[in-house]
Amino acid sequence: MKTSALKKEIYQAIDNTKDNEILEAVYTILKRTVVDEEEATELTTAQKKELDKRLADHKAGKLKYYTIDEVKKAVFKAIKK
C-alpha cells in the first residue's frame, strides 16, 4: 500500500476509534518515531561545515556533475580494464 493511501486509512481508523487506550498507544508510537527522526537528522558541526563548503562550491560553479549515462560509461570502462 502506498504511503498516501496508508495515511488515509490510518486517519480514518483513528477518527472512528473511541477506545482511548488504542489512541494513546498509537500516539506513543508516533511520538517516538518523530523523536527518533529528529535525533537522526542532527548534524555535527563538522558535517554542517562540510555541507556549507559544498553548497558554496556549487554556487560558485566549482563542482563537476555527471549524467547517469556518463557514470555508466565510466564504470563499464573501468570494469573492462
C-alpha atoms as a PDB file:
ATOM      1  CA  MET A   1       0.000   0.000   0.000  1.00  0.00           C
ATOM      2  CA  LYS A   2       1.335   3.441  -0.901  1.00  0.00           C
ATOM      3  CA  THR A   3       2.187   5.869   1.871  1.00  0.00           C
ATOM      4  CA  SER A   4      -0.584   8.314   0.973  1.00  0.00           C
ATOM      5  CA  ALA A   5      -3.220   5.568   0.957  1.00  0.00           C
ATOM      6  CA  LEU A   6      -1.895   4.130   4.205  1.00  0.00           C
ATOM      7  CA  LYS A   7      -2.035   7.535   5.883  1.00  0.00           C
ATOM      8  CA  LYS A   8      -5.618   7.994   4.720  1.00  0.00           C
ATOM      9  CA  GLU A   9      -6.572   4.592   6.182  1.00  0.00           C
ATOM     10  CA  ILE A  10      -4.830   5.417   9.468  1.00  0.00           C
ATOM     11  CA  TYR A  11      -6.595   8.795   9.701  1.00  0.00           C
ATOM     12  CA  GLN A  12      -9.959   7.113   9.154  1.00  0.00           C
ATOM     13  CA  ALA A  13      -9.220   4.378  11.697  1.00  0.00           C
ATOM     14  CA  ILE A  14      -8.187   6.971  14.281  1.00  0.00           C
ATOM     15  CA  ASP A  15     -11.286   9.055  13.575  1.00  0.00           C
ATOM     16  CA  ASN A  16     -13.546   6.024  14.017  1.00  0.00           C
ATOM     17  CA  THR A  17     -11.845   4.744  17.193  1.00  0.00           C
ATOM     18  CA  LYS A  18     -13.444   5.548  20.509  1.00  0.00           C
ATOM     19  CA  ASP A  19     -11.053   3.379  22.550  1.00  0.00           C
ATOM     20  CA  ASN A  20      -8.744   5.751  24.415  1.00  0.00           C
ATOM     21  CA  GLU A  21      -6.151   3.031  25.113  1.00  0.00           C
ATOM     22  CA  ILE A  22      -5.700   2.399  21.393  1.00  0.00           C
ATOM     23  CA  LEU A  23      -5.421   6.108  20.703  1.00  0.00           C
ATOM     24  CA  GLU A  24      -2.803   6.519  23.445  1.00  0.00           C
ATOM     25  CA  ALA A  25      -0.834   3.557  22.056  1.00  0.00           C
ATOM     26  CA  VAL A  26      -0.877   4.988  18.538  1.00  0.00           C
ATOM     27  CA  TYR A  27       0.138   8.386  19.876  1.00  0.00           C
ATOM     28  CA  THR A  28       3.047   6.853  21.807  1.00  0.00           C
ATOM     29  CA  ILE A  29       4.291   5.034  18.712  1.00  0.00           C
ATOM     30  CA  LEU A  30       4.019   8.096  16.501  1.00  0.00           C
ATOM     31  CA  LYS A  31       5.601  10.381  19.088  1.00  0.00           C
ATOM     32  CA  ARG A  32       8.558   8.010  19.485  1.00  0.00           C
ATOM     33  CA  THR A  33       9.011   7.884  15.705  1.00  0.00           C
ATOM     34  CA  VAL A  34       9.053  11.672  15.413  1.00  0.00           C
ATOM     35  CA  VAL A  35      11.634  11.961  18.205  1.00  0.00           C
ATOM     36  CA  ASP A  36      13.805   9.262  16.580  1.00  0.00           C
ATOM     37  CA  GLU A  37      13.641  11.030  13.207  1.00  0.00           C
ATOM     38  CA  GLU A  38      14.542  14.381  14.746  1.00  0.00           C
ATOM     39  CA  GLU A  39      17.521  12.866  16.534  1.00  0.00           C
ATOM     40  CA  ALA A  40      18.636  11.089  13.372  1.00  0.00           C
ATOM     41  CA  THR A  41      18.739  14.352  11.423  1.00  0.00           C
ATOM     42  CA  GLU A  42      21.054  16.158  13.827  1.00  0.00           C
ATOM     43  CA  LEU A  43      24.312  17.065  12.097  1.00  0.00           C
ATOM     44  CA  THR A  44      27.651  17.503  13.768  1.00  0.00           C
ATOM     45  CA  THR A  45      29.485  20.804  13.456  1.00  0.00           C
ATOM     46  CA  ALA A  46      31.925  19.174  11.032  1.00  0.00           C
ATOM     47  CA  GLN A  47      29.075  17.868   8.871  1.00  0.00           C
ATOM     48  CA  LYS A  48      27.417  21.294   8.779  1.00  0.00           C
ATOM     49  CA  LYS A  49      30.734  22.897   7.849  1.00  0.00           C
ATOM     50  CA  GLU A  50      31.262  20.383   5.020  1.00  0.00           C
ATOM     51  CA  LEU A  51      27.746  20.926   3.673  1.00  0.00           C
ATOM     52  CA  ASP A  52      28.221  24.704   3.769  1.00  0.00           C
ATOM     53  CA  LYS A  53      31.515  24.325   1.865  1.00  0.00           C
ATOM     54  CA  ARG A  54      29.905  22.096  -0.758  1.00  0.00           C
ATOM     55  CA  LEU A  55      26.988  24.495  -1.168  1.00  0.00           C
ATOM     56  CA  ALA A  56      29.384  27.415  -1.630  1.00  0.00           C
ATOM     57  CA  ASP A  57      31.371  25.407  -4.205  1.00  0.00           C
ATOM     58  CA  HIS A  58      28.141  24.557  -6.029  1.00  0.00           C
ATOM     59  CA  LYS A  59      27.022  28.189  -6.116  1.00  0.00           C
ATOM     60  CA  ALA A  60      30.478  29.249  -7.342  1.00  0.00           C
ATOM     61  CA  GLY A  61      30.332  26.714 -10.172  1.00  0.00           C
ATOM     62  CA  LYS A  62      33.369  24.817  -8.867  1.00  0.00           C
ATOM     63  CA  LEU A  63      31.754  21.377  -8.936  1.00  0.00           C
ATOM     64  CA  LYS A  64      31.586  18.941 -11.840  1.00  0.00           C
ATOM     65  CA  TYR A  65      28.392  16.955 -12.311  1.00  0.00           C
ATOM     66  CA  TYR A  66      27.864  13.837 -14.405  1.00  0.00           C
ATOM     67  CA  THR A  67      24.778  12.365 -16.018  1.00  0.00           C
ATOM     68  CA  ILE A  68      23.851   8.783 -15.206  1.00  0.00           C
ATOM     69  CA  ASP A  69      24.919   7.794 -18.732  1.00  0.00           C
ATOM     70  CA  GLU A  70      28.379   9.317 -18.195  1.00  0.00           C
ATOM     71  CA  VAL A  71      28.722   7.433 -14.919  1.00  0.00           C
ATOM     72  CA  LYS A  72      27.665   4.149 -16.524  1.00  0.00           C
ATOM     73  CA  LYS A  73      30.196   4.598 -19.341  1.00  0.00           C
ATOM     74  CA  ALA A  74      32.979   5.339 -16.859  1.00  0.00           C
ATOM     75  CA  VAL A  75      32.091   2.320 -14.719  1.00  0.00           C
ATOM     76  CA  PHE A  76      31.940  -0.051 -17.672  1.00  0.00           C
ATOM     77  CA  LYS A  77      35.230   1.332 -18.977  1.00  0.00           C
ATOM     78  CA  ALA A  78      36.865   0.792 -15.567  1.00  0.00           C
ATOM     79  CA  ILE A  79      35.483  -2.764 -15.335  1.00  0.00           C
ATOM     80  CA  LYS A  80      36.902  -3.692 -18.749  1.00  0.00           C
ATOM     81  CA  LYS A  81      40.469  -2.773 -17.693  1.00  0.00           C
END
